[in-house]
Amino acid sequence: MQTIDEMITDVIRREGGYIDHPDDRGGPTKYGITQKTLSRYKGYSVLTREVKNLTVEVAAEIYEQNYYLGPSIHKLPNEIQPFVFDSAVNHGSRRALKFVQSVCNQAGYTPTLVVDGAMGPNTRRGAEWCQQQMEELFLQALCEERRNFYYLIVANNPSQKVFLKGWMNRLADFGYEEQLV
């Protein structure tokens, strides 16, 4: 079982340092923390230089509060927490929880979950059921769901294709291997 500190270290490694890629819809970003996210955290509109000066400690605090505890990812089965946390960082917590809800529904969990991206008792029970029934296949199904989402992003906005290899590498960190047909 990974601790939240280990998950945060992994995310910061994946996200890297400061970047301001012209095709990145997040704009100026450091350690995966966007200018918008840092502005919400600080309570005012931050400048680009404040993003550049972001410390690992502040990034870690934002991650733990906004992407782990806030959306209740800590209530999911331990086996999928690192993946769902990473998904929350990459896509937002609502999208990350939608991945879980969608896979639970596809696996036949009843009652059918509302795919709303909110963590409630039914989502928690559905995730626990899937983990028990599917074991390691649950994580693989979540990876497949996220992979499909990445391809949908690129289909809707071809400028995002520049990020596809990095996104697939991110999935590989969770044991996912692209199945080419």
Protein backbone atom coordinates (compact mmCIF):
# COMPACT_ATOMS: atom_id res chain seq x y z
CA MET A 1 0.00 0.00 0.00
CA GLN A 2 1.37 3.39 -1.02
CA THR A 3 1.14 6.30 1.39
CA ILE A 4 -0.14 9.67 0.22
CA ASP A 5 3.41 11.03 0.50
CA GLU A 6 4.64 8.31 -1.87
CA MET A 7 1.77 9.00 -4.27
CA ILE A 8 2.60 12.71 -4.25
CA THR A 9 6.28 11.99 -4.89
CA ASP A 10 5.30 9.83 -7.87
CA VAL A 11 2.99 12.51 -9.28
CA ILE A 12 5.64 15.22 -8.92
CA ARG A 13 8.11 12.94 -10.73
CA ARG A 14 5.60 12.38 -13.55
CA GLU A 15 4.67 16.04 -13.81
CA GLY A 16 8.20 17.45 -13.66
CA GLY A 17 9.24 21.04 -13.10
CA TYR A 18 8.08 24.29 -14.63
CA ILE A 19 6.55 24.21 -18.11
CA ASP A 20 4.50 26.58 -20.23
CA HIS A 21 3.79 24.59 -23.39
CA PRO A 22 1.75 26.57 -25.95
CA ASP A 23 -0.64 23.62 -26.51
CA ASP A 24 -1.12 22.82 -22.82
CA ARG A 25 -4.56 24.07 -21.87
CA GLY A 26 -3.39 24.37 -18.24
CA GLY A 27 -1.00 27.20 -19.05
CA PRO A 28 2.02 27.81 -16.81
CA THR A 29 2.49 24.76 -14.59
CA LYS A 30 5.03 23.51 -12.06
CA TYR A 31 4.94 20.02 -10.51
CA GLY A 32 1.55 19.67 -12.23
CA ILE A 33 0.08 22.63 -10.35
CA THR A 34 -1.44 25.07 -12.83
CA GLN A 35 -1.57 28.83 -12.44
CA LYS A 36 -5.35 28.56 -11.95
CA THR A 37 -4.99 25.92 -9.21
CA LEU A 38 -2.29 27.92 -7.40
CA SER A 39 -4.49 31.04 -7.65
CA ARG A 40 -7.40 29.18 -6.02
CA TYR A 41 -5.08 27.92 -3.28
CA LYS A 42 -3.66 31.39 -2.56
CA GLY A 43 -6.98 33.20 -2.91
CA TYR A 44 -5.82 35.66 -5.56
CA SER A 45 -4.67 35.67 -9.19
CA VAL A 46 -1.02 34.60 -9.12
CA LEU A 47 1.59 35.73 -11.60
CA THR A 48 3.64 33.37 -13.77
CA ARG A 49 6.69 34.00 -11.58
CA GLU A 50 4.76 32.69 -8.57
CA VAL A 51 4.13 29.46 -10.45
CA LYS A 52 7.85 29.27 -11.28
CA ASN A 53 8.68 29.76 -7.58
CA LEU A 54 6.22 27.12 -6.31
CA THR A 55 7.85 24.83 -3.74
CA VAL A 56 7.45 21.07 -3.57
CA GLU A 57 6.01 21.50 -0.06
CA VAL A 58 3.18 23.77 -1.25
CA ALA A 59 2.52 21.51 -4.24
CA ALA A 60 2.31 18.52 -1.88
CA GLU A 61 -0.16 20.35 0.39
CA ILE A 62 -2.36 21.25 -2.60
CA TYR A 63 -2.26 17.66 -3.83
CA GLU A 64 -3.15 16.13 -0.48
CA GLN A 65 -5.97 18.56 0.30
CA ASN A 66 -7.49 19.14 -3.15
CA TYR A 67 -6.85 15.88 -5.00
CA TYR A 68 -6.82 13.22 -2.27
CA LEU A 69 -8.70 14.17 0.88
CA GLY A 70 -11.13 16.68 -0.66
CA PRO A 71 -12.60 14.26 -3.21
CA SER A 72 -12.36 11.35 -0.70
CA ILE A 73 -10.01 9.24 -2.80
CA HIS A 74 -8.64 7.93 0.51
CA LYS A 75 -11.94 6.04 0.94
CA LEU A 76 -11.34 3.89 -2.16
CA PRO A 77 -9.62 0.48 -2.05
CA ASN A 78 -5.88 0.87 -1.44
CA GLU A 79 -5.05 -0.97 -4.66
CA ILE A 80 -6.56 1.74 -6.88
CA GLN A 81 -5.85 4.86 -4.82
CA PRO A 82 -2.53 5.72 -6.56
CA PHE A 83 -4.15 5.44 -9.99
CA VAL A 84 -7.27 7.43 -9.09
CA PHE A 85 -5.14 10.08 -7.36
CA ASP A 86 -2.92 10.40 -10.44
CA SER A 87 -6.07 10.61 -12.60
CA ALA A 88 -7.43 13.37 -10.37
CA VAL A 89 -4.22 15.35 -10.81
CA ASN A 90 -4.23 14.83 -14.58
CA HIS A 91 -7.97 15.27 -15.28
CA GLY A 92 -9.59 16.65 -12.13
CA SER A 93 -11.13 14.65 -9.31
CA ARG A 94 -14.60 14.46 -10.85
CA ARG A 95 -13.28 12.85 -14.04
CA ALA A 96 -11.12 10.45 -11.97
CA LEU A 97 -14.15 9.31 -9.99
CA LYS A 98 -16.18 9.00 -13.20
CA PHE A 99 -13.61 6.48 -14.40
CA VAL A 100 -14.27 4.42 -11.25
CA GLN A 101 -18.05 4.72 -11.53
CA SER A 102 -18.07 3.82 -15.21
CA VAL A 103 -15.89 0.72 -14.71
CA CYS A 104 -18.06 -0.39 -11.77
CA ASN A 105 -21.15 -0.15 -13.96
CA GLN A 106 -19.48 -1.99 -16.84
CA ALA A 107 -18.44 -4.74 -14.39
CA GLY A 108 -22.09 -5.27 -13.41
CA TYR A 109 -22.15 -3.65 -9.99
CA THR A 110 -25.66 -3.05 -8.70
CA PRO A 111 -27.23 -0.73 -7.99
CA THR A 112 -25.99 1.03 -11.11
CA LEU A 113 -23.93 4.04 -10.11
CA VAL A 114 -24.73 7.54 -11.28
CA VAL A 115 -21.63 8.60 -13.23
CA ASP A 116 -21.42 12.06 -11.68
CA GLY A 117 -17.85 12.14 -10.38
CA ALA A 118 -18.94 12.48 -6.76
CA MET A 119 -17.70 10.15 -4.04
CA GLY A 120 -20.55 8.78 -2.02
CA PRO A 121 -21.23 5.56 -0.19
CA ASN A 122 -22.46 3.81 -3.35
CA THR A 123 -19.29 4.68 -5.28
CA ARG A 124 -17.16 3.47 -2.37
CA ARG A 125 -19.12 0.21 -2.11
CA GLY A 126 -19.00 -0.25 -5.90
CA ALA A 127 -15.22 0.21 -5.93
CA GLU A 128 -14.82 -2.23 -3.04
CA TRP A 129 -17.01 -4.77 -4.85
CA CYS A 130 -15.04 -4.39 -8.09
CA GLN A 131 -11.74 -4.75 -6.27
CA GLN A 132 -12.96 -7.93 -4.60
CA GLN A 133 -14.48 -9.39 -7.79
CA MET A 134 -11.91 -8.26 -10.35
CA GLU A 135 -8.72 -8.01 -8.28
CA GLU A 136 -5.86 -6.69 -10.48
CA LEU A 137 -8.20 -6.53 -13.50
CA PHE A 138 -9.99 -3.61 -11.84
CA LEU A 139 -6.89 -1.44 -12.17
CA GLN A 140 -6.40 -2.60 -15.76
CA ALA A 141 -10.02 -1.72 -16.59
CA LEU A 142 -9.50 1.73 -15.06
CA CYS A 143 -6.37 2.16 -17.20
CA GLU A 144 -8.34 1.20 -20.30
CA GLU A 145 -11.07 3.69 -19.43
CA ARG A 146 -8.46 6.43 -19.02
CA ARG A 147 -6.70 5.42 -22.24
CA ASN A 148 -9.98 5.77 -24.11
CA PHE A 149 -10.44 9.20 -22.56
CA TYR A 150 -7.00 10.29 -23.76
CA TYR A 151 -7.85 9.23 -27.30
CA LEU A 152 -11.16 11.10 -27.06
CA ILE A 153 -9.26 14.25 -26.04
CA VAL A 154 -7.03 13.93 -29.11
CA ALA A 155 -9.99 13.17 -31.41
CA ASN A 156 -11.75 16.31 -30.20
CA ASN A 157 -8.63 18.48 -30.26
CA PRO A 158 -5.79 17.18 -32.48
CA SER A 159 -3.35 19.74 -31.01
CA GLN A 160 -3.32 17.56 -27.89
CA LYS A 161 -1.69 14.66 -29.76
CA VAL A 162 1.69 16.10 -28.77
CA PHE A 163 0.97 14.89 -25.21
CA LEU A 164 -0.28 11.39 -26.11
CA LYS A 165 3.06 9.57 -25.72
CA GLY A 166 3.54 11.10 -22.26
CA TRP A 167 0.01 10.14 -21.29
CA MET A 168 0.62 6.55 -22.39
CA ASN A 169 3.87 6.53 -20.37
CA ARG A 170 1.82 7.66 -17.40
CA LEU A 171 -0.48 4.66 -17.84
CA ALA A 172 2.55 2.39 -18.16
CA ASP A 173 3.52 3.45 -14.62
CA PHE A 174 0.43 1.54 -13.52
CA GLY A 175 1.29 -1.60 -15.50
CA TYR A 176 -0.86 -0.75 -18.53
CA GLU A 177 0.47 -1.81 -21.91
CA GLU A 178 -1.17 -0.51 -25.07
CA GLN A 179 -2.68 -3.38 -27.06
CA LEU A 180 -2.05 -2.65 -30.72
CA VAL A 181 -4.43 -4.19 -33.25
